[in-house]
């Protein structure tokens, strides 16, 4: 699949989805936390399909995935089967999806699968760096797609029987340090639903 045109397409700007715990088959909903003073001016989002919640700055728009992610490979910047979030002021986007993986899948195997699905015109950093997400191991790395004037931060995680992928994309005109600060701030609010 040619990904150039998809990478260039930003998230849709649909009306923000309502927040709150949502129960879906196979996923127990988490109890919503009382917002801190910082979060009060922010927007909470609970993923119906992918079993997580996070808090976004108020200027970010949200679009919930309309169908499950069945390919398990990168499909562009904000495909319809990923939860998508867009900063309306600077063009940064965050897309999140998850798919079932075999029980014995390691985090390294999951990250390598995602790494192999990157488009040829993008250059990923290697090896990935160790990090944590909601107190669980995760792997993160960066990518640069010069032909599209885009760069990104990628994060792979496993939770329960699912492999998760987080894709934070921004214009190459923003600094990686600034991108990392925004990404880390959002990721620090993420909580997986109990499994």
N, C-alpha and C. Protein backbone atom coordinates (compact mmCIF):
# COMPACT_ATOMS: atom_id res chain seq x y z
N UNK A 1 0.84 -1.18 0.00
CA UNK A 1 0.00 0.00 0.00
C UNK A 1 0.88 1.24 0.00
N UNK A 2 0.56 2.20 -0.83
CA UNK A 2 1.33 3.44 -0.86
C UNK A 2 0.82 4.33 0.26
N UNK A 3 1.72 4.75 1.13
CA UNK A 3 1.32 5.48 2.32
C UNK A 3 1.52 6.98 2.23
N UNK A 4 2.13 7.48 1.17
CA UNK A 4 2.44 8.91 1.10
C UNK A 4 1.20 9.76 1.23
N UNK A 5 0.15 9.41 0.48
CA UNK A 5 -1.04 10.26 0.52
C UNK A 5 -1.74 10.17 1.86
N UNK A 6 -1.68 8.99 2.49
CA UNK A 6 -2.32 8.84 3.78
C UNK A 6 -1.57 9.61 4.84
N UNK A 7 -0.22 9.58 4.78
CA UNK A 7 0.57 10.33 5.75
C UNK A 7 0.31 11.81 5.66
N UNK A 8 0.00 12.28 4.49
CA UNK A 8 -0.22 13.72 4.32
C UNK A 8 -1.60 14.15 4.79
N UNK A 9 -2.48 13.18 5.05
CA UNK A 9 -3.84 13.50 5.45
C UNK A 9 -3.92 13.64 6.96
N UNK A 10 -4.43 14.75 7.43
CA UNK A 10 -4.55 14.98 8.87
C UNK A 10 -5.77 14.27 9.40
N UNK A 11 -5.88 14.24 10.73
CA UNK A 11 -7.06 13.65 11.37
C UNK A 11 -8.30 14.43 10.97
N UNK A 12 -9.43 13.74 10.98
CA UNK A 12 -10.69 14.44 10.75
C UNK A 12 -10.97 15.38 11.89
N UNK A 13 -11.81 16.35 11.66
CA UNK A 13 -12.12 17.33 12.70
C UNK A 13 -13.56 17.19 13.14
N UNK A 14 -13.91 15.97 13.53
CA UNK A 14 -15.27 15.72 13.96
C UNK A 14 -15.47 16.25 15.36
N UNK A 15 -16.71 16.29 15.78
CA UNK A 15 -17.04 16.75 17.11
C UNK A 15 -16.39 15.85 18.14
N UNK A 16 -15.81 16.41 19.22
CA UNK A 16 -15.16 15.59 20.24
C UNK A 16 -16.11 14.54 20.80
N UNK A 17 -15.55 13.35 21.07
CA UNK A 17 -16.32 12.27 21.63
C UNK A 17 -16.54 12.49 23.12
N UNK A 18 -17.65 12.05 23.66
CA UNK A 18 -17.88 12.20 25.09
C UNK A 18 -16.91 11.34 25.88
N UNK A 19 -16.56 11.80 27.07
CA UNK A 19 -15.65 11.05 27.92
C UNK A 19 -16.45 10.17 28.86
N UNK A 20 -15.73 9.35 29.62
CA UNK A 20 -16.37 8.49 30.60
C UNK A 20 -16.01 7.06 30.36
N UNK A 21 -16.21 6.22 31.37
CA UNK A 21 -15.86 4.81 31.25
C UNK A 21 -16.83 4.13 30.32
N UNK A 22 -16.32 3.29 29.45
CA UNK A 22 -17.14 2.57 28.50
C UNK A 22 -16.82 1.10 28.63
N UNK A 23 -17.82 0.27 28.67
CA UNK A 23 -17.60 -1.17 28.78
C UNK A 23 -17.81 -1.79 27.42
N UNK A 24 -16.81 -2.53 26.95
CA UNK A 24 -16.91 -3.23 25.68
C UNK A 24 -16.60 -4.69 25.92
N UNK A 25 -17.02 -5.58 25.02
CA UNK A 25 -16.75 -6.99 25.21
C UNK A 25 -15.26 -7.24 25.38
N UNK A 26 -14.91 -7.95 26.43
CA UNK A 26 -13.52 -8.31 26.65
C UNK A 26 -12.70 -7.21 27.31
N UNK A 27 -13.30 -6.05 27.55
CA UNK A 27 -12.57 -4.95 28.18
C UNK A 27 -13.39 -4.43 29.34
N UNK A 28 -12.82 -4.44 30.54
CA UNK A 28 -13.49 -3.84 31.68
C UNK A 28 -13.18 -2.37 31.69
N UNK A 29 -14.20 -1.56 31.86
CA UNK A 29 -13.99 -0.12 31.88
C UNK A 29 -13.33 0.30 33.19
N UNK A 30 -12.54 1.33 33.15
CA UNK A 30 -11.94 1.87 34.35
C UNK A 30 -12.86 2.92 34.94
N UNK A 31 -12.74 3.13 36.23
CA UNK A 31 -13.53 4.17 36.88
C UNK A 31 -12.90 5.51 36.58
N UNK A 32 -13.65 6.48 36.08
CA UNK A 32 -13.07 7.78 35.76
C UNK A 32 -12.46 8.42 37.00
N UNK A 33 -11.30 9.03 36.83
CA UNK A 33 -10.63 9.71 37.93
C UNK A 33 -11.19 11.12 38.06
N UNK A 34 -11.12 11.67 39.27
CA UNK A 34 -11.48 13.07 39.44
C UNK A 34 -10.39 13.92 38.81
N UNK A 35 -10.74 14.87 37.96
CA UNK A 35 -9.71 15.65 37.27
C UNK A 35 -8.94 16.54 38.23
N UNK A 36 -7.64 16.67 37.99
CA UNK A 36 -6.82 17.61 38.74
C UNK A 36 -7.10 19.00 38.18
N UNK A 37 -6.56 20.04 38.84
CA UNK A 37 -6.78 21.40 38.35
C UNK A 37 -6.22 21.59 36.96
N UNK A 38 -5.10 20.90 36.65
CA UNK A 38 -4.52 20.99 35.31
C UNK A 38 -5.42 20.32 34.29
N UNK A 39 -6.01 19.18 34.66
CA UNK A 39 -6.86 18.44 33.74
C UNK A 39 -8.21 19.11 33.54
N UNK A 40 -8.60 19.97 34.46
CA UNK A 40 -9.92 20.60 34.35
C UNK A 40 -10.06 21.38 33.05
N UNK A 41 -8.96 21.95 32.55
CA UNK A 41 -9.00 22.69 31.30
C UNK A 41 -8.65 21.79 30.13
N UNK A 42 -8.64 20.49 30.35
CA UNK A 42 -8.26 19.53 29.32
C UNK A 42 -9.46 18.66 28.96
N UNK A 43 -9.23 17.77 28.01
CA UNK A 43 -10.30 16.92 27.51
C UNK A 43 -9.94 15.46 27.75
N UNK A 44 -10.77 14.74 28.50
CA UNK A 44 -10.55 13.32 28.74
C UNK A 44 -11.14 12.52 27.58
N UNK A 45 -10.50 11.42 27.24
CA UNK A 45 -10.98 10.56 26.15
C UNK A 45 -10.86 9.12 26.61
N UNK A 46 -11.91 8.34 26.42
CA UNK A 46 -11.88 6.90 26.70
C UNK A 46 -12.11 6.16 25.40
N UNK A 47 -11.20 5.26 25.06
CA UNK A 47 -11.31 4.51 23.81
C UNK A 47 -12.27 3.34 23.97
N UNK A 48 -13.31 3.34 23.17
CA UNK A 48 -14.27 2.25 23.21
C UNK A 48 -13.69 0.96 22.65
N UNK A 49 -12.91 1.06 21.58
CA UNK A 49 -12.36 -0.14 20.94
C UNK A 49 -11.10 -0.65 21.60
N UNK A 50 -10.25 0.26 22.07
CA UNK A 50 -8.90 -0.14 22.44
C UNK A 50 -8.60 -0.14 23.93
N UNK A 51 -9.57 0.17 24.76
CA UNK A 51 -9.42 -0.04 26.19
C UNK A 51 -8.37 0.81 26.89
N UNK A 52 -8.38 2.11 26.65
CA UNK A 52 -7.49 3.01 27.37
C UNK A 52 -8.19 4.34 27.55
N UNK A 53 -7.65 5.14 28.45
CA UNK A 53 -8.12 6.52 28.60
C UNK A 53 -6.91 7.42 28.70
N UNK A 54 -7.06 8.65 28.24
CA UNK A 54 -6.01 9.64 28.37
C UNK A 54 -6.64 11.03 28.43
N UNK A 55 -5.80 12.00 28.75
CA UNK A 55 -6.26 13.38 28.86
C UNK A 55 -5.46 14.22 27.88
N UNK A 56 -6.17 15.04 27.11
CA UNK A 56 -5.56 15.88 26.08
C UNK A 56 -5.76 17.35 26.42
N UNK A 57 -4.83 18.21 25.97
CA UNK A 57 -5.07 19.65 26.11
C UNK A 57 -6.39 20.02 25.42
N UNK A 58 -7.07 21.04 25.92
CA UNK A 58 -8.41 21.37 25.44
C UNK A 58 -8.46 21.72 23.96
N UNK A 59 -7.36 22.20 23.39
CA UNK A 59 -7.37 22.60 21.97
C UNK A 59 -7.30 21.40 21.02
N UNK A 60 -7.06 20.19 21.56
CA UNK A 60 -6.96 19.01 20.71
C UNK A 60 -8.34 18.49 20.35
N UNK A 61 -8.53 18.10 19.09
CA UNK A 61 -9.77 17.48 18.64
C UNK A 61 -9.59 15.97 18.65
N UNK A 62 -10.69 15.25 18.87
CA UNK A 62 -10.63 13.79 18.94
C UNK A 62 -11.54 13.16 17.90
N UNK A 63 -11.14 12.00 17.44
CA UNK A 63 -11.97 11.19 16.55
C UNK A 63 -11.74 9.73 16.91
N UNK A 64 -12.77 9.08 17.39
CA UNK A 64 -12.67 7.67 17.77
C UNK A 64 -12.61 6.80 16.52
N UNK A 65 -11.90 5.69 16.64
CA UNK A 65 -11.83 4.73 15.54
C UNK A 65 -13.23 4.24 15.19
N UNK A 66 -13.50 4.09 13.90
CA UNK A 66 -14.83 3.65 13.47
C UNK A 66 -14.89 2.14 13.27
N UNK A 67 -13.74 1.50 13.11
CA UNK A 67 -13.68 0.05 12.94
C UNK A 67 -12.42 -0.45 13.62
N UNK A 68 -12.33 -1.73 13.98
CA UNK A 68 -11.12 -2.27 14.59
C UNK A 68 -9.94 -2.27 13.62
N UNK A 69 -8.75 -2.19 14.17
CA UNK A 69 -7.50 -2.26 13.40
C UNK A 69 -7.20 -3.73 13.14
N UNK A 70 -7.39 -4.18 11.91
CA UNK A 70 -7.23 -5.60 11.60
C UNK A 70 -5.91 -5.93 10.90
N UNK A 71 -5.25 -4.93 10.31
CA UNK A 71 -4.03 -5.21 9.56
C UNK A 71 -2.82 -5.39 10.47
N UNK A 72 -2.79 -4.69 11.60
CA UNK A 72 -1.64 -4.78 12.50
C UNK A 72 -0.38 -4.15 11.94
N UNK A 73 -0.51 -3.30 10.93
CA UNK A 73 0.64 -2.60 10.35
C UNK A 73 0.33 -1.11 10.27
N UNK A 74 1.37 -0.31 10.11
CA UNK A 74 1.17 1.13 9.98
C UNK A 74 0.40 1.43 8.71
N UNK A 75 -0.57 2.34 8.81
CA UNK A 75 -1.45 2.63 7.69
C UNK A 75 -1.50 4.11 7.36
N UNK A 76 -0.62 4.90 7.95
CA UNK A 76 -0.64 6.32 7.68
C UNK A 76 -0.78 7.14 8.95
N UNK A 77 -1.10 8.38 8.77
CA UNK A 77 -1.10 9.32 9.88
C UNK A 77 -2.30 9.17 10.82
N UNK A 78 -3.48 9.11 10.29
CA UNK A 78 -4.70 8.99 11.10
C UNK A 78 -5.75 8.17 10.37
N UNK A 79 -5.51 6.89 10.15
CA UNK A 79 -6.51 6.08 9.45
C UNK A 79 -7.78 5.92 10.29
N UNK A 80 -8.88 5.55 9.66
CA UNK A 80 -10.18 5.50 10.33
C UNK A 80 -10.27 4.40 11.38
N UNK A 81 -9.36 3.42 11.34
CA UNK A 81 -9.41 2.35 12.34
C UNK A 81 -8.48 2.62 13.52
N UNK A 82 -7.98 3.85 13.65
CA UNK A 82 -7.19 4.28 14.80
C UNK A 82 -7.93 5.42 15.50
N UNK A 83 -7.82 5.47 16.84
CA UNK A 83 -8.26 6.66 17.55
C UNK A 83 -7.29 7.77 17.18
N UNK A 84 -7.82 8.95 16.84
CA UNK A 84 -6.97 10.02 16.32
C UNK A 84 -7.21 11.32 17.08
N UNK A 85 -6.13 12.00 17.38
CA UNK A 85 -6.17 13.26 18.12
C UNK A 85 -5.33 14.28 17.37
N UNK A 86 -5.85 15.50 17.23
CA UNK A 86 -5.14 16.53 16.47
C UNK A 86 -5.08 17.84 17.24
N UNK A 87 -3.89 18.41 17.32
CA UNK A 87 -3.71 19.75 17.88
C UNK A 87 -4.11 20.74 16.79
N UNK A 88 -5.15 21.49 17.02
CA UNK A 88 -5.66 22.40 15.99
C UNK A 88 -4.78 23.61 15.76
N UNK A 89 -3.77 23.82 16.61
CA UNK A 89 -2.91 25.01 16.47
C UNK A 89 -1.63 24.75 15.69
N UNK A 90 -1.15 23.51 15.65
CA UNK A 90 0.17 23.30 15.03
C UNK A 90 0.28 22.06 14.15
N UNK A 91 -0.81 21.33 13.93
CA UNK A 91 -0.77 20.20 13.02
C UNK A 91 -0.21 18.91 13.59
N UNK A 92 0.09 18.89 14.88
CA UNK A 92 0.55 17.63 15.48
C UNK A 92 -0.62 16.68 15.61
N UNK A 93 -0.36 15.40 15.41
CA UNK A 93 -1.40 14.39 15.57
C UNK A 93 -0.86 13.22 16.38
N UNK A 94 -1.77 12.56 17.08
CA UNK A 94 -1.48 11.33 17.80
C UNK A 94 -2.51 10.31 17.37
N UNK A 95 -2.06 9.15 16.91
CA UNK A 95 -2.97 8.08 16.53
C UNK A 95 -2.64 6.85 17.37
N UNK A 96 -3.67 6.14 17.80
CA UNK A 96 -3.50 4.99 18.69
C UNK A 96 -4.39 3.85 18.21
N UNK A 97 -3.81 2.64 18.18
CA UNK A 97 -4.59 1.46 17.83
C UNK A 97 -4.00 0.25 18.55
N UNK A 98 -4.78 -0.82 18.58
CA UNK A 98 -4.34 -2.06 19.22
C UNK A 98 -4.95 -3.23 18.47
N UNK A 99 -4.26 -4.36 18.56
CA UNK A 99 -4.72 -5.58 17.89
C UNK A 99 -4.32 -6.77 18.75
N UNK A 100 -5.10 -7.82 18.69
CA UNK A 100 -4.76 -9.03 19.43
C UNK A 100 -3.48 -9.65 18.90
N UNK A 101 -2.64 -10.13 19.82
CA UNK A 101 -1.39 -10.79 19.45
C UNK A 101 -1.32 -12.14 20.15
N UNK A 102 -0.56 -13.10 19.59
CA UNK A 102 -0.42 -14.39 20.26
C UNK A 102 0.13 -14.23 21.68
N UNK A 103 -0.29 -15.10 22.56
CA UNK A 103 0.05 -14.99 23.98
C UNK A 103 1.55 -14.92 24.25
N UNK A 104 2.35 -15.61 23.46
CA UNK A 104 3.79 -15.66 23.71
C UNK A 104 4.57 -14.55 22.99
N UNK A 105 3.88 -13.58 22.41
CA UNK A 105 4.55 -12.48 21.71
C UNK A 105 5.33 -11.62 22.70
N UNK A 106 6.59 -11.33 22.38
CA UNK A 106 7.38 -10.43 23.23
C UNK A 106 7.24 -9.00 22.72
N UNK A 107 7.55 -8.06 23.60
CA UNK A 107 7.51 -6.66 23.21
C UNK A 107 8.46 -6.39 22.05
N UNK A 108 9.63 -7.01 22.08
CA UNK A 108 10.60 -6.83 21.00
C UNK A 108 10.07 -7.35 19.67
N UNK A 109 9.37 -8.47 19.69
CA UNK A 109 8.77 -9.01 18.46
C UNK A 109 7.68 -8.08 17.93
N UNK A 110 6.88 -7.55 18.84
CA UNK A 110 5.81 -6.65 18.43
C UNK A 110 6.39 -5.38 17.81
N UNK A 111 7.40 -4.80 18.46
CA UNK A 111 8.04 -3.59 17.94
C UNK A 111 8.66 -3.85 16.57
N UNK A 112 9.32 -5.00 16.41
CA UNK A 112 9.95 -5.34 15.13
C UNK A 112 8.91 -5.48 14.02
N UNK A 113 7.76 -6.03 14.35
CA UNK A 113 6.68 -6.16 13.36
C UNK A 113 6.23 -4.78 12.88
N UNK A 114 6.05 -3.86 13.82
CA UNK A 114 5.65 -2.50 13.45
C UNK A 114 6.76 -1.81 12.67
N UNK A 115 7.99 -1.97 13.12
CA UNK A 115 9.14 -1.34 12.46
C UNK A 115 9.22 -1.77 10.99
N UNK A 116 8.97 -3.04 10.71
CA UNK A 116 9.03 -3.56 9.34
C UNK A 116 7.95 -2.98 8.45
N UNK A 117 6.86 -2.48 9.04
CA UNK A 117 5.75 -1.97 8.23
C UNK A 117 5.88 -0.48 7.91
N UNK A 118 6.98 0.14 8.33
CA UNK A 118 7.19 1.57 8.03
C UNK A 118 7.36 1.76 6.53
N UNK A 119 6.86 2.85 5.98
CA UNK A 119 7.03 3.10 4.54
C UNK A 119 8.50 3.32 4.19
N UNK A 120 8.88 2.96 2.97
CA UNK A 120 10.27 3.05 2.53
C UNK A 120 10.82 4.47 2.55
N UNK A 121 9.95 5.47 2.40
CA UNK A 121 10.43 6.84 2.34
C UNK A 121 10.63 7.47 3.72
N UNK A 122 10.40 6.69 4.78
CA UNK A 122 10.64 7.17 6.15
C UNK A 122 11.84 6.43 6.73
N UNK A 123 12.60 7.11 7.58
CA UNK A 123 13.78 6.51 8.20
C UNK A 123 13.57 6.45 9.71
N UNK A 124 13.53 5.22 10.23
CA UNK A 124 13.35 5.01 11.67
C UNK A 124 14.69 4.97 12.38
N UNK A 125 14.71 5.48 13.62
CA UNK A 125 15.89 5.32 14.47
C UNK A 125 15.95 3.86 14.92
N UNK A 126 17.15 3.39 15.21
CA UNK A 126 17.33 2.01 15.61
C UNK A 126 18.60 1.90 16.45
N UNK A 127 18.59 1.24 17.58
CA UNK A 127 17.50 0.46 18.16
C UNK A 127 16.53 1.35 18.92
N UNK A 128 15.36 0.80 19.28
CA UNK A 128 14.41 1.57 20.08
C UNK A 128 14.91 1.73 21.51
N UNK A 129 14.31 2.67 22.22
CA UNK A 129 14.67 2.94 23.62
C UNK A 129 13.61 2.35 24.54
N UNK A 130 14.06 1.89 25.70
CA UNK A 130 13.16 1.38 26.73
C UNK A 130 12.43 2.53 27.41
N UNK A 131 11.15 2.36 27.69
CA UNK A 131 10.39 3.32 28.46
C UNK A 131 9.28 2.57 29.16
N UNK A 132 8.39 3.29 29.83
CA UNK A 132 7.22 2.65 30.45
C UNK A 132 5.97 3.42 30.05
N UNK A 133 4.87 2.72 30.07
CA UNK A 133 3.57 3.31 29.76
C UNK A 133 2.57 2.71 30.74
N UNK A 134 1.99 3.55 31.59
CA UNK A 134 1.09 3.08 32.64
C UNK A 134 1.75 1.95 33.44
N UNK A 135 3.02 2.15 33.78
CA UNK A 135 3.84 1.23 34.59
C UNK A 135 4.17 -0.08 33.88
N UNK A 136 3.95 -0.16 32.58
CA UNK A 136 4.32 -1.36 31.82
C UNK A 136 5.44 -1.02 30.84
N UNK A 137 6.27 -2.02 30.53
CA UNK A 137 7.36 -1.83 29.58
C UNK A 137 6.83 -1.40 28.22
N UNK A 138 7.58 -0.53 27.57
CA UNK A 138 7.27 -0.10 26.21
C UNK A 138 8.57 0.21 25.50
N UNK A 139 8.51 0.26 24.19
CA UNK A 139 9.66 0.62 23.37
C UNK A 139 9.29 1.83 22.52
N UNK A 140 10.21 2.78 22.43
CA UNK A 140 9.95 3.99 21.64
C UNK A 140 11.10 4.27 20.70
N UNK A 141 10.78 4.88 19.56
CA UNK A 141 11.78 5.26 18.58
C UNK A 141 11.22 6.40 17.74
N UNK A 142 12.06 7.00 16.93
CA UNK A 142 11.63 8.13 16.12
C UNK A 142 11.68 7.78 14.64
N UNK A 143 11.01 8.60 13.85
CA UNK A 143 11.01 8.43 12.41
C UNK A 143 11.04 9.80 11.74
N UNK A 144 11.63 9.87 10.57
CA UNK A 144 11.65 11.09 9.76
C UNK A 144 11.22 10.72 8.35
N UNK A 145 10.23 11.44 7.83
CA UNK A 145 9.74 11.24 6.47
C UNK A 145 9.96 12.55 5.72
N UNK A 146 11.19 12.75 5.26
CA UNK A 146 11.56 14.03 4.63
C UNK A 146 10.70 14.37 3.44
N UNK A 147 10.34 13.38 2.63
CA UNK A 147 9.55 13.63 1.43
C UNK A 147 8.19 14.24 1.77
N UNK A 148 7.68 13.94 2.97
CA UNK A 148 6.40 14.47 3.42
C UNK A 148 6.56 15.65 4.37
N UNK A 149 7.82 16.00 4.69
CA UNK A 149 8.13 17.06 5.67
C UNK A 149 7.48 16.76 7.02
N UNK A 150 7.53 15.48 7.40
CA UNK A 150 6.97 15.02 8.66
C UNK A 150 8.00 14.23 9.46
N UNK A 151 7.84 14.24 10.76
CA UNK A 151 8.64 13.39 11.63
C UNK A 151 7.72 12.83 12.69
N UNK A 152 8.20 11.83 13.42
CA UNK A 152 7.31 11.23 14.40
C UNK A 152 8.01 10.53 15.53
N UNK A 153 7.23 10.27 16.56
CA UNK A 153 7.64 9.45 17.69
C UNK A 153 6.72 8.24 17.69
N UNK A 154 7.31 7.06 17.74
CA UNK A 154 6.53 5.83 17.76
C UNK A 154 6.73 5.14 19.10
N UNK A 155 5.68 4.50 19.59
CA UNK A 155 5.76 3.77 20.84
C UNK A 155 4.96 2.49 20.71
N UNK A 156 5.59 1.37 21.04
CA UNK A 156 4.94 0.05 21.00
C UNK A 156 4.83 -0.48 22.42
N UNK A 157 3.68 -1.06 22.74
CA UNK A 157 3.45 -1.62 24.07
C UNK A 157 2.57 -2.85 23.95
N UNK A 158 2.65 -3.70 24.96
CA UNK A 158 1.77 -4.84 25.08
C UNK A 158 0.97 -4.68 26.37
N UNK A 159 -0.32 -4.99 26.29
CA UNK A 159 -1.16 -4.98 27.49
C UNK A 159 -2.20 -6.06 27.33
N UNK A 160 -2.24 -6.98 28.27
CA UNK A 160 -3.15 -8.11 28.16
C UNK A 160 -2.81 -8.91 26.91
N UNK A 161 -3.79 -9.13 26.07
CA UNK A 161 -3.58 -9.91 24.85
C UNK A 161 -3.47 -9.01 23.62
N UNK A 162 -3.19 -7.72 23.84
CA UNK A 162 -3.15 -6.78 22.73
C UNK A 162 -1.78 -6.15 22.55
N UNK A 163 -1.45 -5.90 21.28
CA UNK A 163 -0.30 -5.08 20.94
C UNK A 163 -0.80 -3.68 20.63
N UNK A 164 -0.22 -2.69 21.29
CA UNK A 164 -0.61 -1.29 21.09
C UNK A 164 0.45 -0.55 20.30
N UNK A 165 -0.02 0.40 19.48
CA UNK A 165 0.88 1.27 18.73
C UNK A 165 0.41 2.71 18.89
N UNK A 166 1.37 3.58 19.22
CA UNK A 166 1.13 5.02 19.38
C UNK A 166 2.01 5.74 18.36
N UNK A 167 1.40 6.59 17.55
CA UNK A 167 2.11 7.29 16.48
C UNK A 167 1.87 8.79 16.61
N UNK A 168 2.91 9.52 17.01
CA UNK A 168 2.83 10.97 17.21
C UNK A 168 3.55 11.63 16.04
N UNK A 169 2.82 12.33 15.18
CA UNK A 169 3.38 12.90 13.96
C UNK A 169 3.31 14.42 14.02
N UNK A 170 4.37 15.07 13.54
CA UNK A 170 4.41 16.53 13.52
C UNK A 170 5.18 17.02 12.30
N UNK A 171 5.00 18.28 11.94
CA UNK A 171 5.79 18.85 10.85
C UNK A 171 7.27 18.90 11.23
N UNK A 172 8.14 18.79 10.26
CA UNK A 172 9.58 18.85 10.54
C UNK A 172 10.01 20.23 11.01
N UNK A 173 9.13 21.22 10.92
CA UNK A 173 9.47 22.57 11.38
C UNK A 173 9.43 22.69 12.90
N UNK A 174 8.80 21.74 13.59
CA UNK A 174 8.81 21.77 15.06
C UNK A 174 10.02 20.98 15.55
N UNK A 175 10.50 21.30 16.75
CA UNK A 175 11.67 20.60 17.27
C UNK A 175 11.28 19.26 17.88
N UNK A 176 12.19 18.29 17.79
CA UNK A 176 11.93 16.99 18.39
C UNK A 176 11.79 17.11 19.90
N UNK A 177 12.56 18.00 20.52
CA UNK A 177 12.47 18.20 21.96
C UNK A 177 11.06 18.69 22.35
N UNK A 178 10.52 19.62 21.57
CA UNK A 178 9.17 20.12 21.83
C UNK A 178 8.15 19.01 21.63
N UNK A 179 8.30 18.24 20.55
CA UNK A 179 7.40 17.12 20.29
C UNK A 179 7.44 16.11 21.44
N UNK A 180 8.65 15.80 21.90
CA UNK A 180 8.80 14.81 22.97
C UNK A 180 8.12 15.28 24.25
N UNK A 181 8.24 16.57 24.55
CA UNK A 181 7.60 17.11 25.75
C UNK A 181 6.08 16.99 25.67
N UNK A 182 5.50 17.30 24.50
CA UNK A 182 4.05 17.19 24.32
C UNK A 182 3.62 15.73 24.40
N UNK A 183 4.33 14.85 23.70
CA UNK A 183 4.01 13.43 23.69
C UNK A 183 4.09 12.86 25.10
N UNK A 184 5.19 13.15 25.82
CA UNK A 184 5.36 12.63 27.18
C UNK A 184 4.25 13.13 28.11
N UNK A 185 3.85 14.38 27.94
CA UNK A 185 2.80 14.94 28.78
C UNK A 185 1.48 14.19 28.58
N UNK A 186 1.13 13.92 27.33
CA UNK A 186 -0.11 13.17 27.04
C UNK A 186 0.01 11.73 27.52
N UNK A 187 1.14 11.08 27.23
CA UNK A 187 1.31 9.68 27.61
C UNK A 187 1.31 9.48 29.12
N UNK A 188 1.71 10.50 29.88
CA UNK A 188 1.72 10.38 31.35
C UNK A 188 0.32 10.29 31.91
N UNK A 189 -0.71 10.65 31.13
CA UNK A 189 -2.08 10.58 31.59
C UNK A 189 -2.77 9.28 31.18
N UNK A 190 -2.11 8.46 30.34
CA UNK A 190 -2.75 7.27 29.79
C UNK A 190 -2.86 6.16 30.83
N UNK A 191 -4.02 5.55 30.84
CA UNK A 191 -4.25 4.37 31.68
C UNK A 191 -4.96 3.31 30.85
N UNK A 192 -4.47 2.07 30.93
CA UNK A 192 -5.13 0.96 30.28
C UNK A 192 -6.32 0.52 31.11
N UNK A 193 -7.34 0.01 30.42
CA UNK A 193 -8.47 -0.59 31.12
C UNK A 193 -7.99 -1.89 31.75
N UNK A 194 -8.60 -2.27 32.88
CA UNK A 194 -8.25 -3.52 33.54
C UNK A 194 -8.57 -4.69 32.61
N UNK A 195 -7.71 -5.71 32.63
CA UNK A 195 -7.92 -6.89 31.79
C UNK A 195 -8.04 -8.12 32.65
